[in-house]
C-alpha atoms as a PDB file:
ATOM      1  CA  MET A   1      39.145 152.531 133.403  1.00  0.00           C
ATOM      2  CA  ILE A   2      39.466 152.228 129.442  1.00  0.00           C
ATOM      3  CA  GLN A   3      43.361 153.210 129.432  1.00  0.00           C
ATOM      4  CA  GLN A   4      43.603 149.743 131.667  1.00  0.00           C
ATOM      5  CA  TYR A   5      41.686 147.456 129.611  1.00  0.00           C
ATOM      6  CA  LYS A   6      43.276 149.334 126.160  1.00  0.00           C
ATOM      7  CA  ASN A   7      46.603 148.109 127.930  1.00  0.00           C
ATOM      8  CA  SER A   8      45.625 144.709 128.734  1.00  0.00           C
ATOM      9  CA  PHE A   9      44.606 144.162 125.119  1.00  0.00           C
ATOM     10  CA  ASP A  10      47.443 145.815 123.740  1.00  0.00           C
ATOM     11  CA  THR A  11      49.416 143.032 125.307  1.00  0.00           C
ATOM     12  CA  LEU A  12      47.123 140.259 124.935  1.00  0.00           C
ATOM     13  CA  GLU A  13      48.647 139.097 121.689  1.00  0.00           C
ATOM     14  CA  PHE A  14      51.901 139.343 123.050  1.00  0.00           C
ATOM     15  CA  GLN A  15      50.650 137.295 126.199  1.00  0.00           C
ATOM     16  CA  LYS A  16      49.418 134.277 124.006  1.00  0.00           C
ATOM     17  CA  SER A  17      52.486 134.348 121.544  1.00  0.00           C
ATOM     18  CA  ASN A  18      54.579 134.052 124.725  1.00  0.00           C
ATOM     19  CA  TYR A  19      52.358 131.160 126.271  1.00  0.00           C
ATOM     20  CA  HIS A  20      52.267 129.548 123.016  1.00  0.00           C
ATOM     21  CA  ASP A  21      56.366 129.582 123.034  1.00  0.00           C
ATOM     22  CA  LYS A  22      56.436 128.283 126.472  1.00  0.00           C
ATOM     23  CA  ILE A  23      53.908 125.506 126.053  1.00  0.00           C
ATOM     24  CA  LYS A  24      56.177 124.546 122.450  1.00  0.00           C
ATOM     25  CA  THR A  25      59.082 124.625 125.110  1.00  0.00           C
ATOM     26  CA  HIS A  26      57.448 122.062 127.111  1.00  0.00           C
ATOM     27  CA  ASN A  27      56.847 120.123 124.956  1.00  0.00           C
ATOM     28  CA  SER A  28      59.769 119.454 123.209  1.00  0.00           C
ATOM     29  CA  VAL A  29      61.000 118.632 126.666  1.00  0.00           C
ATOM     30  CA  ILE A  30      58.528 116.389 127.162  1.00  0.00           C
ATOM     31  CA  ASP A  31      59.359 114.585 124.048  1.00  0.00           C
ATOM     32  CA  ASN A  32      62.975 114.566 124.451  1.00  0.00           C
ATOM     33  CA  LEU A  33      62.416 112.774 127.864  1.00  0.00           C
ATOM     34  CA  LEU A  34      60.155 110.407 126.160  1.00  0.00           C
ATOM     35  CA  LYS A  35      62.607 109.546 123.806  1.00  0.00           C
ATOM     36  CA  GLU A  36      65.293 109.057 126.132  1.00  0.00           C
ATOM     37  CA  ILE A  37      63.260 106.905 128.408  1.00  0.00           C
ATOM     38  CA  THR A  38      62.338 104.862 125.250  1.00  0.00           C
ATOM     39  CA  ASP A  39      65.961 104.513 124.263  1.00  0.00           C
ATOM     40  CA  SER A  40      67.060 103.705 127.894  1.00  0.00           C
ATOM     41  CA  ALA A  41      64.689 100.719 128.015  1.00  0.00           C
ATOM     42  CA  GLY A  42      65.668  99.398 124.628  1.00  0.00           C
ATOM     43  CA  LEU A  43      69.401  99.203 125.810  1.00  0.00           C
ATOM     44  CA  LEU A  44      68.429  98.240 128.877  1.00  0.00           C
ATOM     45  CA  ARG A  45      66.396  94.860 127.373  1.00  0.00           C
ATOM     46  CA  THR A  46      69.202  94.396 125.125  1.00  0.00           C
ATOM     47  CA  THR A  47      71.657  94.213 128.239  1.00  0.00           C
ATOM     48  CA  ILE A  48      69.277  92.122 130.221  1.00  0.00           C
ATOM     49  CA  SER A  49      69.050  89.682 127.149  1.00  0.00           C
ATOM     50  CA  SER A  50      72.919  89.191 126.607  1.00  0.00           C
ATOM     51  CA  LEU A  51      73.212  88.551 130.236  1.00  0.00           C
ATOM     52  CA  ASN A  52      70.768  85.825 130.006  1.00  0.00           C
ATOM     53  CA  LYS A  53      72.271  84.202 127.076  1.00  0.00           C
ATOM     54  CA  ASN A  54      75.450  83.984 129.417  1.00  0.00           C
END
């Protein structure tokens, strides 16, 4: 029983680090998607404005 707890606590720091890395990766993906949406919205506004002038 004690060995099971020891194993759990021994890997806790690794699990915490791994979880932190996954969060950073997820946040990076979301950030990139938001930037792409923002860029696309700007391009769409520009294109619509150009079409409305003609």
